[in-house]
PDB file of all heavy atoms in Angstrom:
ATOM      1  N   VAL A   1      48.618  97.051 164.033  1.00  0.00           N
ATOM      2  CA  VAL A   1      48.383  95.969 163.086  1.00  0.00           C
ATOM      3  C   VAL A   1      48.354  94.665 163.861  1.00  0.00           C
ATOM      4  O   VAL A   1      49.188  94.425 164.743  1.00  0.00           O
ATOM      5  CB  VAL A   1      49.471  95.939 161.983  1.00  0.00           C
ATOM      6  CG1 VAL A   1      50.871  95.867 162.572  1.00  0.00           C
ATOM      7  CG2 VAL A   1      49.241  94.768 161.043  1.00  0.00           C
ATOM      8  N   THR A   2      47.345  93.837 163.585  1.00  0.00           N
ATOM      9  CA  THR A   2      47.206  92.516 164.202  1.00  0.00           C
ATOM     10  C   THR A   2      47.320  91.469 163.107  1.00  0.00           C
ATOM     11  O   THR A   2      46.679  91.583 162.058  1.00  0.00           O
ATOM     12  CB  THR A   2      45.852  92.375 164.913  1.00  0.00           C
ATOM     13  OG1 THR A   2      45.734  93.380 165.917  1.00  0.00           O
ATOM     14  CG2 THR A   2      45.716  91.002 165.558  1.00  0.00           C
ATOM     15  N   PHE A   3      48.144  90.446 163.356  1.00  0.00           N
ATOM     16  CA  PHE A   3      48.361  89.437 162.321  1.00  0.00           C
ATOM     17  C   PHE A   3      48.697  88.107 162.981  1.00  0.00           C
ATOM     18  O   PHE A   3      49.197  88.057 164.106  1.00  0.00           O
ATOM     19  CB  PHE A   3      49.513  89.850 161.405  1.00  0.00           C
ATOM     20  CG  PHE A   3      49.715  88.921 160.233  1.00  0.00           C
ATOM     21  CD1 PHE A   3      48.726  88.751 159.275  1.00  0.00           C
ATOM     22  CD2 PHE A   3      50.899  88.206 160.093  1.00  0.00           C
ATOM     23  CE1 PHE A   3      48.907  87.896 158.197  1.00  0.00           C
ATOM     24  CE2 PHE A   3      51.096  87.346 159.020  1.00  0.00           C
ATOM     25  CZ  PHE A   3      50.099  87.191 158.062  1.00  0.00           C
ATOM     26  N   GLY A   4      48.388  87.024 162.268  1.00  0.00           N
ATOM     27  CA  GLY A   4      48.707  85.700 162.772  1.00  0.00           C
ATOM     28  C   GLY A   4      48.467  84.649 161.713  1.00  0.00           C
ATOM     29  O   GLY A   4      48.262  84.942 160.530  1.00  0.00           O
ATOM     30  N   GLY A   5      48.484  83.394 162.139  1.00  0.00           N
ATOM     31  CA  GLY A   5      48.235  82.287 161.239  1.00  0.00           C
ATOM     32  C   GLY A   5      48.186  80.985 162.009  1.00  0.00           C
ATOM     33  O   GLY A   5      48.672  80.900 163.140  1.00  0.00           O
ATOM     34  N   PHE A   6      47.566  79.957 161.404  1.00  0.00           N
ATOM     35  CA  PHE A   6      47.543  78.639 162.018  1.00  0.00           C
ATOM     36  C   PHE A   6      47.752  77.580 160.934  1.00  0.00           C
ATOM     37  O   PHE A   6      47.602  77.856 159.736  1.00  0.00           O
ATOM     38  CB  PHE A   6      46.237  78.386 162.790  1.00  0.00           C
ATOM     39  CG  PHE A   6      45.012  78.284 161.916  1.00  0.00           C
ATOM     40  CD1 PHE A   6      44.579  77.063 161.423  1.00  0.00           C
ATOM     41  CD2 PHE A   6      44.280  79.425 161.588  1.00  0.00           C
ATOM     42  CE1 PHE A   6      43.447  76.977 160.620  1.00  0.00           C
ATOM     43  CE2 PHE A   6      43.143  79.342 160.791  1.00  0.00           C
ATOM     44  CZ  PHE A   6      42.727  78.119 160.296  1.00  0.00           C
ATOM     45  N   THR A   7      48.124  76.379 161.370  1.00  0.00           N
ATOM     46  CA  THR A   7      48.388  75.293 160.435  1.00  0.00           C
ATOM     47  C   THR A   7      47.619  74.048 160.843  1.00  0.00           C
ATOM     48  O   THR A   7      47.115  73.950 161.960  1.00  0.00           O
ATOM     49  CB  THR A   7      49.892  74.947 160.407  1.00  0.00           C
ATOM     50  OG1 THR A   7      50.299  74.520 161.716  1.00  0.00           O
ATOM     51  CG2 THR A   7      50.727  76.160 160.000  1.00  0.00           C
ATOM     52  N   PHE A   8      47.542  73.104 159.910  1.00  0.00           N
ATOM     53  CA  PHE A   8      46.925  71.813 160.205  1.00  0.00           C
ATOM     54  C   PHE A   8      47.633  70.763 159.346  1.00  0.00           C
ATOM     55  O   PHE A   8      48.327  71.085 158.385  1.00  0.00           O
ATOM     56  CB  PHE A   8      45.421  71.832 159.915  1.00  0.00           C
ATOM     57  CG  PHE A   8      45.088  72.229 158.496  1.00  0.00           C
ATOM     58  CD1 PHE A   8      44.973  71.287 157.490  1.00  0.00           C
ATOM     59  CD2 PHE A   8      44.915  73.572 158.163  1.00  0.00           C
ATOM     60  CE1 PHE A   8      44.678  71.664 156.183  1.00  0.00           C
ATOM     61  CE2 PHE A   8      44.618  73.954 156.856  1.00  0.00           C
ATOM     62  CZ  PHE A   8      44.502  72.997 155.870  1.00  0.00           C
ATOM     63  N   GLY A   9      47.458  69.507 159.715  1.00  0.00           N
ATOM     64  CA  GLY A   9      48.073  68.441 158.935  1.00  0.00           C
ATOM     65  C   GLY A   9      48.900  67.519 159.807  1.00  0.00           C
ATOM     66  O   GLY A   9      49.045  67.710 161.014  1.00  0.00           O
ATOM     67  N   ALA A  10      49.479  66.495 159.164  1.00  0.00           N
ATOM     68  CA  ALA A  10      50.202  65.459 159.887  1.00  0.00           C
ATOM     69  C   ALA A  10      51.599  65.858 160.328  1.00  0.00           C
ATOM     70  O   ALA A  10      52.026  65.468 161.421  1.00  0.00           O
ATOM     71  CB  ALA A  10      50.273  64.203 159.015  1.00  0.00           C
ATOM     72  N   PRO A  11      52.389  66.586 159.534  1.00  0.00           N
ATOM     73  CA  PRO A  11      53.770  66.843 159.981  1.00  0.00           C
ATOM     74  C   PRO A  11      53.804  67.639 161.277  1.00  0.00           C
ATOM     75  O   PRO A  11      52.889  68.397 161.595  1.00  0.00           O
ATOM     76  CB  PRO A  11      54.355  67.667 158.823  1.00  0.00           C
ATOM     77  CG  PRO A  11      53.463  67.422 157.658  1.00  0.00           C
ATOM     78  CD  PRO A  11      52.108  67.188 158.234  1.00  0.00           C
ATOM     79  N   ALA A  12      54.890  67.441 162.013  1.00  0.00           N
ATOM     80  CA  ALA A  12      55.087  68.245 163.225  1.00  0.00           C
ATOM     81  C   ALA A  12      55.340  69.699 162.836  1.00  0.00           C
ATOM     82  O   ALA A  12      55.799  69.999 161.730  1.00  0.00           O
ATOM     83  CB  ALA A  12      56.268  67.709 164.015  1.00  0.00           C
ATOM     84  N   GLY A  13      55.031  70.593 163.758  1.00  0.00           N
ATOM     85  CA  GLY A  13      55.286  72.005 163.514  1.00  0.00           C
ATOM     86  C   GLY A  13      56.770  72.325 163.620  1.00  0.00           C
ATOM     87  O   GLY A  13      57.553  71.545 164.166  1.00  0.00           O
ATOM     88  N   PRO A  14      57.187  73.491 163.119  1.00  0.00           N
ATOM     89  CA  PRO A  14      58.597  73.844 163.131  1.00  0.00           C
ATOM     90  C   PRO A  14      59.110  74.185 164.521  1.00  0.00           C
ATOM     91  O   PRO A  14      58.359  74.621 165.395  1.00  0.00           O
ATOM     92  CB  PRO A  14      58.651  75.073 162.210  1.00  0.00           C
ATOM     93  CG  PRO A  14      57.288  75.686 162.344  1.00  0.00           C
ATOM     94  CD  PRO A  14      56.351  74.537 162.502  1.00  0.00           C
ATOM     95  N   THR A  15      60.400  73.998 164.715  1.00  0.00           N
ATOM     96  CA  THR A  15      61.084  74.402 165.938  1.00  0.00           C
ATOM     97  C   THR A  15      62.324  75.209 165.556  1.00  0.00           C
ATOM     98  O   THR A  15      62.707  75.266 164.388  1.00  0.00           O
ATOM     99  CB  THR A  15      61.520  73.184 166.770  1.00  0.00           C
ATOM    100  OG1 THR A  15      62.405  72.372 165.975  1.00  0.00           O
ATOM    101  CG2 THR A  15      60.314  72.356 167.189  1.00  0.00           C
ATOM    102  N   GLY A  16      62.918  75.849 166.560  1.00  0.00           N
ATOM    103  CA  GLY A  16      64.142  76.598 166.299  1.00  0.00           C
ATOM    104  C   GLY A  16      63.894  78.073 166.113  1.00  0.00           C
ATOM    105  O   GLY A  16      63.119  78.697 166.845  1.00  0.00           O
ATOM    106  N   ASN A  17      64.526  78.644 165.075  1.00  0.00           N
ATOM    107  CA  ASN A  17      64.455  80.081 164.814  1.00  0.00           C
ATOM    108  C   ASN A  17      63.911  80.334 163.415  1.00  0.00           C
ATOM    109  O   ASN A  17      64.124  79.526 162.498  1.00  0.00           O
ATOM    110  CB  ASN A  17      65.852  80.714 164.909  1.00  0.00           C
ATOM    111  CG  ASN A  17      66.574  80.365 166.195  1.00  0.00           C
ATOM    112  OD1 ASN A  17      65.936  80.180 167.241  1.00  0.00           O
ATOM    113  ND2 ASN A  17      67.889  80.260 166.128  1.00  0.00           N
ATOM    114  N   GLY A  18      63.221  81.456 163.236  1.00  0.00           N
ATOM    115  CA  GLY A  18      62.726  81.789 161.903  1.00  0.00           C
ATOM    116  C   GLY A  18      61.926  83.075 161.885  1.00  0.00           C
ATOM    117  O   GLY A  18      61.776  83.760 162.893  1.00  0.00           O
ATOM    118  N   THR A  19      61.395  83.395 160.699  1.00  0.00           N
ATOM    119  CA  THR A  19      60.611  84.611 160.482  1.00  0.00           C
ATOM    120  C   THR A  19      59.128  84.280 160.472  1.00  0.00           C
ATOM    121  O   THR A  19      58.670  83.492 159.634  1.00  0.00           O
ATOM    122  CB  THR A  19      61.005  85.286 159.154  1.00  0.00           C
ATOM    123  OG1 THR A  19      62.397  85.595 159.166  1.00  0.00           O
ATOM    124  CG2 THR A  19      60.203  86.567 158.935  1.00  0.00           C
ATOM    125  N   LEU A  20      58.378  84.861 161.408  1.00  0.00           N
ATOM    126  CA  LEU A  20      56.932  84.652 161.454  1.00  0.00           C
ATOM    127  C   LEU A  20      56.212  85.515 160.426  1.00  0.00           C
ATOM    128  O   LEU A  20      55.245  85.058 159.796  1.00  0.00           O
ATOM    129  CB  LEU A  20      56.400  84.982 162.851  1.00  0.00           C
ATOM    130  CG  LEU A  20      56.878  84.085 164.002  1.00  0.00           C
ATOM    131  CD1 LEU A  20      56.318  84.592 165.321  1.00  0.00           C
ATOM    132  CD2 LEU A  20      56.476  82.634 163.765  1.00  0.00           C
ATOM    133  N   ALA A  21      56.629  86.758 160.276  1.00  0.00           N
ATOM    134  CA  ALA A  21      55.933  87.685 159.382  1.00  0.00           C
ATOM    135  C   ALA A  21      56.863  88.832 159.011  1.00  0.00           C
ATOM    136  O   ALA A  21      57.883  89.068 159.667  1.00  0.00           O
ATOM    137  CB  ALA A  21      54.675  88.236 160.051  1.00  0.00           C
ATOM    138  N   THR A  22      56.494  89.521 157.949  1.00  0.00           N
ATOM    139  CA  THR A  22      57.217  90.706 157.494  1.00  0.00           C
ATOM    140  C   THR A  22      56.223  91.842 157.315  1.00  0.00           C
ATOM    141  O   THR A  22      55.146  91.642 156.729  1.00  0.00           O
ATOM    142  CB  THR A  22      57.951  90.432 156.171  1.00  0.00           C
ATOM    143  OG1 THR A  22      58.914  89.396 156.380  1.00  0.00           O
ATOM    144  CG2 THR A  22      58.659  91.675 155.668  1.00  0.00           C
ATOM    145  N   ILE A  23      56.571  93.019 157.831  1.00  0.00           N
ATOM    146  CA  ILE A  23      55.686  94.191 157.761  1.00  0.00           C
ATOM    147  C   ILE A  23      56.430  95.333 157.098  1.00  0.00           C
ATOM    148  O   ILE A  23      57.584  95.625 157.443  1.00  0.00           O
ATOM    149  CB  ILE A  23      55.228  94.632 159.166  1.00  0.00           C
ATOM    150  CG1 ILE A  23      54.626  93.449 159.931  1.00  0.00           C
ATOM    151  CG2 ILE A  23      54.227  95.772 159.071  1.00  0.00           C
ATOM    152  CD1 ILE A  23      54.311  93.771 161.385  1.00  0.00           C
ATOM    153  N   GLN A  24      55.766  95.990 156.147  1.00  0.00           N
ATOM    154  CA  GLN A  24      56.319  97.188 155.521  1.00  0.00           C
ATOM    155  C   GLN A  24      55.603  98.421 156.084  1.00  0.00           C
ATOM    156  O   GLN A  24      54.371  98.520 156.016  1.00  0.00           O
ATOM    157  CB  GLN A  24      56.166  97.137 154.009  1.00  0.00           C
ATOM    158  CG  GLN A  24      57.138  96.190 153.330  1.00  0.00           C
ATOM    159  CD  GLN A  24      57.205  96.433 151.837  1.00  0.00           C
ATOM    160  OE1 GLN A  24      56.175  96.514 151.164  1.00  0.00           O
ATOM    161  NE2 GLN A  24      58.419  96.552 151.308  1.00  0.00           N
ATOM    162  N   PHE A  25      56.383  99.331 156.634  1.00  0.00           N
ATOM    163  CA  PHE A  25      55.861 100.590 157.162  1.00  0.00           C
ATOM    164  C   PHE A  25      56.202 101.726 156.199  1.00  0.00           C
ATOM    165  O   PHE A  25      57.274 101.723 155.586  1.00  0.00           O
ATOM    166  CB  PHE A  25      56.468 100.897 158.532  1.00  0.00           C
ATOM    167  CG  PHE A  25      55.987 100.004 159.638  1.00  0.00           C
ATOM    168  CD1 PHE A  25      56.628  98.809 159.906  1.00  0.00           C
ATOM    169  CD2 PHE A  25      54.893 100.366 160.404  1.00  0.00           C
ATOM    170  CE1 PHE A  25      56.193  97.979 160.926  1.00  0.00           C
ATOM    171  CE2 PHE A  25      54.442  99.541 161.432  1.00  0.00           C
ATOM    172  CZ  PHE A  25      55.090  98.352 161.691  1.00  0.00           C
ATOM    173  N   THR A  26      55.287 102.690 156.103  1.00  0.00           N
ATOM    174  CA  THR A  26      55.517 103.897 155.315  1.00  0.00           C
ATOM    175  C   THR A  26      55.802 105.048 156.263  1.00  0.00           C
ATOM    176  O   THR A  26      55.086 105.240 157.253  1.00  0.00           O
ATOM    177  CB  THR A  26      54.290 104.228 154.443  1.00  0.00           C
ATOM    178  OG1 THR A  26      54.014 103.113 153.579  1.00  0.00           O
ATOM    179  CG2 THR A  26      54.541 105.466 153.600  1.00  0.00           C
ATOM    180  N   VAL A  27      56.842 105.834 155.960  1.00  0.00           N
ATOM    181  CA  VAL A  27      57.235 106.943 156.828  1.00  0.00           C
ATOM    182  C   VAL A  27      56.276 108.123 156.619  1.00  0.00           C
ATOM    183  O   VAL A  27      56.051 108.565 155.498  1.00  0.00           O
ATOM    184  CB  VAL A  27      58.682 107.385 156.531  1.00  0.00           C
ATOM    185  CG1 VAL A  27      59.061 108.578 157.412  1.00  0.00           C
ATOM    186  CG2 VAL A  27      59.643 106.232 156.763  1.00  0.00           C
ATOM    187  N   VAL A  28      55.707 108.594 157.730  1.00  0.00           N
ATOM    188  CA  VAL A  28      54.826 109.768 157.711  1.00  0.00           C
ATOM    189  C   VAL A  28      55.609 111.021 158.082  1.00  0.00           C
ATOM    190  O   VAL A  28      55.449 112.081 157.493  1.00  0.00           O
ATOM    191  CB  VAL A  28      53.627 109.561 158.659  1.00  0.00           C
ATOM    192  CG1 VAL A  28      52.731 110.803 158.687  1.00  0.00           C
ATOM    193  CG2 VAL A  28      52.827 108.325 158.248  1.00  0.00           C
ATOM    194  N   SER A  29      56.465 110.911 159.089  1.00  0.00           N
ATOM    195  CA  SER A  29      57.342 112.016 159.488  1.00  0.00           C
ATOM    196  C   SER A  29      58.631 111.439 160.056  1.00  0.00           C
ATOM    197  O   SER A  29      58.612 110.386 160.696  1.00  0.00           O
ATOM    198  CB  SER A  29      56.662 112.929 160.517  1.00  0.00           C
ATOM    199  OG  SER A  29      56.418 112.220 161.720  1.00  0.00           O
ATOM    200  N   GLN A  30      59.725 112.134 159.831  1.00  0.00           N
ATOM    201  CA  GLN A  30      61.020 111.654 160.314  1.00  0.00           C
ATOM    202  C   GLN A  30      61.236 112.132 161.743  1.00  0.00           C
ATOM    203  O   GLN A  30      61.797 113.196 161.989  1.00  0.00           O
ATOM    204  CB  GLN A  30      62.139 112.136 159.396  1.00  0.00           C
ATOM    205  CG  GLN A  30      62.126 111.467 158.028  1.00  0.00           C
ATOM    206  CD  GLN A  30      63.255 111.948 157.148  1.00  0.00           C
ATOM    207  OE1 GLN A  30      63.495 113.149 157.031  1.00  0.00           O
ATOM    208  NE2 GLN A  30      63.966 111.033 156.518  1.00  0.00           N
ATOM    209  N   ALA A  31      60.759 111.318 162.672  1.00  0.00           N
ATOM    210  CA  ALA A  31      60.868 111.650 164.095  1.00  0.00           C
ATOM    211  C   ALA A  31      61.115 110.371 164.874  1.00  0.00           C
ATOM    212  O   ALA A  31      60.669 109.287 164.481  1.00  0.00           O
ATOM    213  CB  ALA A  31      59.591 112.335 164.587  1.00  0.00           C
ATOM    214  N   ASP A  32      61.828 110.484 165.993  1.00  0.00           N
ATOM    215  CA  ASP A  32      62.105 109.320 166.828  1.00  0.00           C
ATOM    216  C   ASP A  32      60.802 108.688 167.315  1.00  0.00           C
ATOM    217  O   ASP A  32      59.821 109.389 167.607  1.00  0.00           O
ATOM    218  CB  ASP A  32      62.950 109.715 168.038  1.00  0.00           C
ATOM    219  CG  ASP A  32      64.382 110.094 167.659  1.00  0.00           C
ATOM    220  OD1 ASP A  32      64.736 109.971 166.468  1.00  0.00           O
ATOM    221  OD2 ASP A  32      65.126 110.505 168.562  1.00  0.00           O
ATOM    222  N   GLY A  33      60.785 107.381 167.401  1.00  0.00           N
ATOM    223  CA  GLY A  33      59.585 106.686 167.860  1.00  0.00           C
ATOM    224  C   GLY A  33      59.891 105.250 168.214  1.00  0.00           C
ATOM    225  O   GLY A  33      61.037 104.866 168.431  1.00  0.00           O
ATOM    226  N   ASN A  34      58.835 104.422 168.261  1.00  0.00           N
ATOM    227  CA  ASN A  34      58.972 103.050 168.708  1.00  0.00           C
ATOM    228  C   ASN A  34      57.904 102.183 168.061  1.00  0.00           C
ATOM    229  O   ASN A  34      56.772 102.631 167.843  1.00  0.00           O
ATOM    230  CB  ASN A  34      58.853 102.995 170.240  1.00  0.00           C
ATOM    231  CG  ASN A  34      58.921 101.576 170.779  1.00  0.00           C
ATOM    232  OD1 ASN A  34      57.902 100.958 171.038  1.00  0.00           O
ATOM    233  ND2 ASN A  34      60.120 101.059 170.939  1.00  0.00           N
ATOM    234  N   LEU A  35      58.272 100.948 167.741  1.00  0.00           N
ATOM    235  CA  LEU A  35      57.313  99.922 167.338  1.00  0.00           C
ATOM    236  C   LEU A  35      57.188  98.946 168.499  1.00  0.00           C
ATOM    237  O   LEU A  35      58.180  98.338 168.910  1.00  0.00           O
ATOM    238  CB  LEU A  35      57.783  99.193 166.081  1.00  0.00           C
ATOM    239  CG  LEU A  35      58.048 100.051 164.844  1.00  0.00           C
ATOM    240  CD1 LEU A  35      58.563  99.189 163.701  1.00  0.00           C
ATOM    241  CD2 LEU A  35      56.798 100.807 164.419  1.00  0.00           C
ATOM    242  N   ASP A  36      55.985  98.795 169.037  1.00  0.00           N
ATOM    243  CA  ASP A  36      55.758  98.017 170.256  1.00  0.00           C
ATOM    244  C   ASP A  36      55.097  96.685 169.905  1.00  0.00           C
ATOM    245  O   ASP A  36      53.957  96.659 169.438  1.00  0.00           O
ATOM    246  CB  ASP A  36      54.877  98.823 171.211  1.00  0.00           C
ATOM    247  CG  ASP A  36      54.464  98.014 172.420  1.00  0.00           C
ATOM    248  OD1 ASP A  36      55.331  97.330 172.982  1.00  0.00           O
ATOM    249  OD2 ASP A  36      53.268  98.058 172.789  1.00  0.00           O
ATOM    250  N   LEU A  37      55.815  95.590 170.136  1.00  0.00           N
ATOM    251  CA  LEU A  37      55.283  94.249 169.915  1.00  0.00           C
ATOM    252  C   LEU A  37      54.560  93.779 171.173  1.00  0.00           C
ATOM    253  O   LEU A  37      55.150  93.765 172.259  1.00  0.00           O
ATOM    254  CB  LEU A  37      56.425  93.296 169.570  1.00  0.00           C
ATOM    255  CG  LEU A  37      56.065  91.833 169.319  1.00  0.00           C
ATOM    256  CD1 LEU A  37      55.186  91.690 168.087  1.00  0.00           C
ATOM    257  CD2 LEU A  37      57.335  90.993 169.176  1.00  0.00           C
ATOM    258  N   SER A  38      53.290  93.387 171.036  1.00  0.00           N
ATOM    259  CA  SER A  38      52.502  93.006 172.216  1.00  0.00           C
ATOM    260  C   SER A  38      51.501  91.916 171.855  1.00  0.00           C
ATOM    261  O   SER A  38      51.332  91.553 170.681  1.00  0.00           O
ATOM    262  CB  SER A  38      51.764  94.230 172.784  1.00  0.00           C
ATOM    263  OG  SER A  38      50.816  94.712 171.852  1.00  0.00           O
ATOM    264  N   SER A  39      50.829  91.397 172.886  1.00  0.00           N
ATOM    265  CA  SER A  39      49.758  90.389 172.741  1.00  0.00           C
ATOM    266  C   SER A  39      50.209  89.199 171.892  1.00  0.00           C
ATOM    267  O   SER A  39      49.464  88.710 171.035  1.00  0.00           O
ATOM    268  CB  SER A  39      48.500  91.026 172.136  1.00  0.00           C
ATOM    269  OG  SER A  39      48.048  92.095 172.927  1.00  0.00           O
ATOM    270  N   VAL A  40      51.431  88.729 172.144  1.00  0.00           N
ATOM    271  CA  VAL A  40      51.973  87.598 171.379  1.00  0.00           C
ATOM    272  C   VAL A  40      51.433  86.290 171.951  1.00  0.00           C
ATOM    273  O   VAL A  40      51.541  86.032 173.148  1.00  0.00           O
ATOM    274  CB  VAL A  40      53.516  87.597 171.427  1.00  0.00           C
ATOM    275  CG1 VAL A  40      54.060  86.396 170.652  1.00  0.00           C
ATOM    276  CG2 VAL A  40      54.073  88.888 170.857  1.00  0.00           C
ATOM    277  N   THR A  41      50.830  85.471 171.094  1.00  0.00           N
ATOM    278  CA  THR A  41      50.362  84.146 171.494  1.00  0.00           C
ATOM    279  C   THR A  41      50.918  83.108 170.524  1.00  0.00           C
ATOM    280  O   THR A  41      50.952  83.328 169.311  1.00  0.00           O
ATOM    281  CB  THR A  41      48.829  84.062 171.522  1.00  0.00           C
ATOM    282  OG1 THR A  41      48.302  84.388 170.223  1.00  0.00           O
ATOM    283  CG2 THR A  41      48.242  85.020 172.544  1.00  0.00           C
ATOM    284  N   LEU A  42      51.333  81.974 171.085  1.00  0.00           N
ATOM    285  CA  LEU A  42      51.837  80.846 170.302  1.00  0.00           C
ATOM    286  C   LEU A  42      51.128  79.583 170.748  1.00  0.00           C
ATOM    287  O   LEU A  42      50.847  79.409 171.934  1.00  0.00           O
ATOM    288  CB  LEU A  42      53.346  80.662 170.517  1.00  0.00           C
ATOM    289  CG  LEU A  42      54.262  81.873 170.290  1.00  0.00           C
ATOM    290  CD1 LEU A  42      55.688  81.517 170.690  1.00  0.00           C
ATOM    291  CD2 LEU A  42      54.211  82.338 168.843  1.00  0.00           C
ATOM    292  N   THR A  43      50.816  78.692 169.807  1.00  0.00           N
ATOM    293  CA  THR A  43      50.223  77.402 170.151  1.00  0.00           C
ATOM    294  C   THR A  43      51.086  76.279 169.578  1.00  0.00           C
ATOM    295  O   THR A  43      51.774  76.447 168.570  1.00  0.00           O
ATOM    296  CB  THR A  43      48.794  77.267 169.598  1.00  0.00           C
ATOM    297  OG1 THR A  43      48.810  77.436 168.168  1.00  0.00           O
ATOM    298  CG2 THR A  43      47.877  78.314 170.216  1.00  0.00           C
ATOM    299  N   ASN A  44      51.042  75.114 170.239  1.00  0.00           N
ATOM    300  CA  ASN A  44      51.846  73.978 169.781  1.00  0.00           C
ATOM    301  C   ASN A  44      50.998  72.982 169.016  1.00  0.00           C
ATOM    302  O   ASN A  44      49.770  72.959 169.130  1.00  0.00           O
ATOM    303  CB  ASN A  44      52.573  73.313 170.955  1.00  0.00           C
ATOM    304  CG  ASN A  44      51.620  72.604 171.901  1.00  0.00           C
ATOM    305  OD1 ASN A  44      51.008  71.607 171.559  1.00  0.00           O
ATOM    306  ND2 ASN A  44      51.496  73.130 173.123  1.00  0.00           N
TER     307      ASN A  44
END
């Protein structure tokens, strides 16, 4: 899954800590695995 967003306007962008996105996964089989976060880009 690829997801992102951008903003525009006069106020400064946020700093600190927070939630960028929320993803709901559906279980297909109950087996050990991994969710791999990659290709992260941020702009100021």
